[in-house]
């Protein structure tokens, strides 16, 4: 995966996007996107210092899977 990211950067393709772009991609507000992330309904970001980014690969896999919640919340059985 690391080599794929390196190649993508060399040819000018981005591998990660910010919250604004994630929200735009889903057709929702940035605030709503962050609520989804906070409650575990959307993929968690990668944090690099103050930068918060989401992997396009992770987002694409999540979308292909039907945008199911990432984290299951509730009582253990």
C-alpha atoms as a PDB file:
ATOM      1  CA  UNK A   1       0.000   0.000   0.000  1.00  0.00           C
ATOM      2  CA  UNK A   2       2.833   2.393   0.803  1.00  0.00           C
ATOM      3  CA  UNK A   3       4.272   1.989  -2.684  1.00  0.00           C
ATOM      4  CA  UNK A   4       0.864   2.668  -4.245  1.00  0.00           C
ATOM      5  CA  UNK A   5       0.635   5.932  -2.293  1.00  0.00           C
ATOM      6  CA  UNK A   6       4.166   6.899  -3.299  1.00  0.00           C
ATOM      7  CA  UNK A   7       3.414   6.269  -6.986  1.00  0.00           C
ATOM      8  CA  UNK A   8       0.150   8.213  -6.779  1.00  0.00           C
ATOM      9  CA  UNK A   9       1.949  11.198  -5.263  1.00  0.00           C
ATOM     10  CA  UNK A  10       4.608  11.092  -7.970  1.00  0.00           C
ATOM     11  CA  UNK A  11       2.026  11.322 -10.754  1.00  0.00           C
ATOM     12  CA  UNK A  12       0.030  14.022  -8.968  1.00  0.00           C
ATOM     13  CA  UNK A  13      -2.886  11.960  -7.691  1.00  0.00           C
ATOM     14  CA  UNK A  14      -4.048  12.598  -4.165  1.00  0.00           C
ATOM     15  CA  UNK A  15      -4.438   9.699  -1.772  1.00  0.00           C
ATOM     16  CA  UNK A  16      -6.137  11.527   1.125  1.00  0.00           C
ATOM     17  CA  UNK A  17      -8.825  14.199   1.405  1.00  0.00           C
ATOM     18  CA  UNK A  18     -10.040  16.556   4.140  1.00  0.00           C
ATOM     19  CA  UNK A  19     -13.420  16.717   5.903  1.00  0.00           C
ATOM     20  CA  UNK A  20     -14.817  19.295   3.476  1.00  0.00           C
ATOM     21  CA  UNK A  21     -14.171  17.003   0.533  1.00  0.00           C
ATOM     22  CA  UNK A  22     -15.577  13.965   2.386  1.00  0.00           C
ATOM     23  CA  UNK A  23     -18.773  15.876   3.129  1.00  0.00           C
ATOM     24  CA  UNK A  24     -19.048  17.085  -0.458  1.00  0.00           C
ATOM     25  CA  UNK A  25     -18.533  13.534  -1.716  1.00  0.00           C
ATOM     26  CA  UNK A  26     -21.484  12.338   0.423  1.00  0.00           C
ATOM     27  CA  UNK A  27     -23.668  15.403  -0.242  1.00  0.00           C
ATOM     28  CA  UNK A  28     -23.832  16.459   3.409  1.00  0.00           C
ATOM     29  CA  UNK A  29     -22.454  19.283   5.534  1.00  0.00           C
ATOM     30  CA  UNK A  30     -18.997  19.140   7.066  1.00  0.00           C
ATOM     31  CA  UNK A  31     -20.591  19.274  10.507  1.00  0.00           C
ATOM     32  CA  UNK A  32     -22.773  16.258   9.755  1.00  0.00           C
ATOM     33  CA  UNK A  33     -19.753  14.377   8.359  1.00  0.00           C
ATOM     34  CA  UNK A  34     -17.836  15.000  11.582  1.00  0.00           C
ATOM     35  CA  UNK A  35     -20.811  13.773  13.627  1.00  0.00           C
ATOM     36  CA  UNK A  36     -20.817  10.536  11.619  1.00  0.00           C
ATOM     37  CA  UNK A  37     -17.094  10.099  12.264  1.00  0.00           C
ATOM     38  CA  UNK A  38     -17.455  10.883  15.979  1.00  0.00           C
ATOM     39  CA  UNK A  39     -20.143   8.273  16.503  1.00  0.00           C
ATOM     40  CA  UNK A  40     -18.308   5.624  14.482  1.00  0.00           C
ATOM     41  CA  UNK A  41     -20.656   5.612  11.500  1.00  0.00           C
ATOM     42  CA  UNK A  42     -17.899   6.700   9.089  1.00  0.00           C
ATOM     43  CA  UNK A  43     -14.203   5.824   8.771  1.00  0.00           C
ATOM     44  CA  UNK A  44     -11.798   7.385  11.246  1.00  0.00           C
ATOM     45  CA  UNK A  45      -9.273   9.877   9.871  1.00  0.00           C
ATOM     46  CA  UNK A  46      -5.521   9.767   9.839  1.00  0.00           C
ATOM     47  CA  UNK A  47      -4.081  12.524  12.003  1.00  0.00           C
ATOM     48  CA  UNK A  48      -0.746  14.079  11.121  1.00  0.00           C
ATOM     49  CA  UNK A  49      -0.191  16.739  13.740  1.00  0.00           C
ATOM     50  CA  UNK A  50      -3.016  19.203  13.163  1.00  0.00           C
ATOM     51  CA  UNK A  51      -3.923  17.771   9.762  1.00  0.00           C
ATOM     52  CA  UNK A  52      -6.918  15.447   9.622  1.00  0.00           C
ATOM     53  CA  UNK A  53      -7.299  13.422   6.426  1.00  0.00           C
ATOM     54  CA  UNK A  54      -9.217  10.401   5.156  1.00  0.00           C
ATOM     55  CA  UNK A  55      -7.736   7.812   2.829  1.00  0.00           C
ATOM     56  CA  UNK A  56      -9.520   7.692  -0.518  1.00  0.00           C
ATOM     57  CA  UNK A  57      -8.949   3.934  -0.594  1.00  0.00           C
ATOM     58  CA  UNK A  58     -10.618   3.483   2.809  1.00  0.00           C
ATOM     59  CA  UNK A  59     -13.532   5.724   1.808  1.00  0.00           C
ATOM     60  CA  UNK A  60     -14.042   3.848  -1.472  1.00  0.00           C
ATOM     61  CA  UNK A  61     -14.083   0.489   0.334  1.00  0.00           C
ATOM     62  CA  UNK A  62     -16.542   1.842   2.915  1.00  0.00           C
ATOM     63  CA  UNK A  63     -18.816   3.169   0.158  1.00  0.00           C
ATOM     64  CA  UNK A  64     -18.660  -0.113  -1.795  1.00  0.00           C
ATOM     65  CA  UNK A  65     -19.705  -1.901   1.394  1.00  0.00           C
ATOM     66  CA  UNK A  66     -22.862   0.196   1.652  1.00  0.00           C
ATOM     67  CA  UNK A  67     -21.557   2.828   4.124  1.00  0.00           C
ATOM     68  CA  UNK A  68     -22.199   0.572   7.102  1.00  0.00           C
ATOM     69  CA  UNK A  69     -21.157   1.839  10.542  1.00  0.00           C
ATOM     70  CA  UNK A  70     -17.498   1.225  11.294  1.00  0.00           C
ATOM     71  CA  UNK A  71     -17.855   0.863  15.047  1.00  0.00           C
ATOM     72  CA  UNK A  72     -20.600  -1.231  16.594  1.00  0.00           C
ATOM     73  CA  UNK A  73     -22.017   0.481  19.683  1.00  0.00           C
ATOM     74  CA  UNK A  74     -24.219  -1.273  22.169  1.00  0.00           C
ATOM     75  CA  UNK A  75     -24.337  -3.884  24.864  1.00  0.00           C
ATOM     76  CA  UNK A  76     -22.292  -7.023  24.670  1.00  0.00           C
ATOM     77  CA  UNK A  77     -24.416 -10.044  24.445  1.00  0.00           C
END
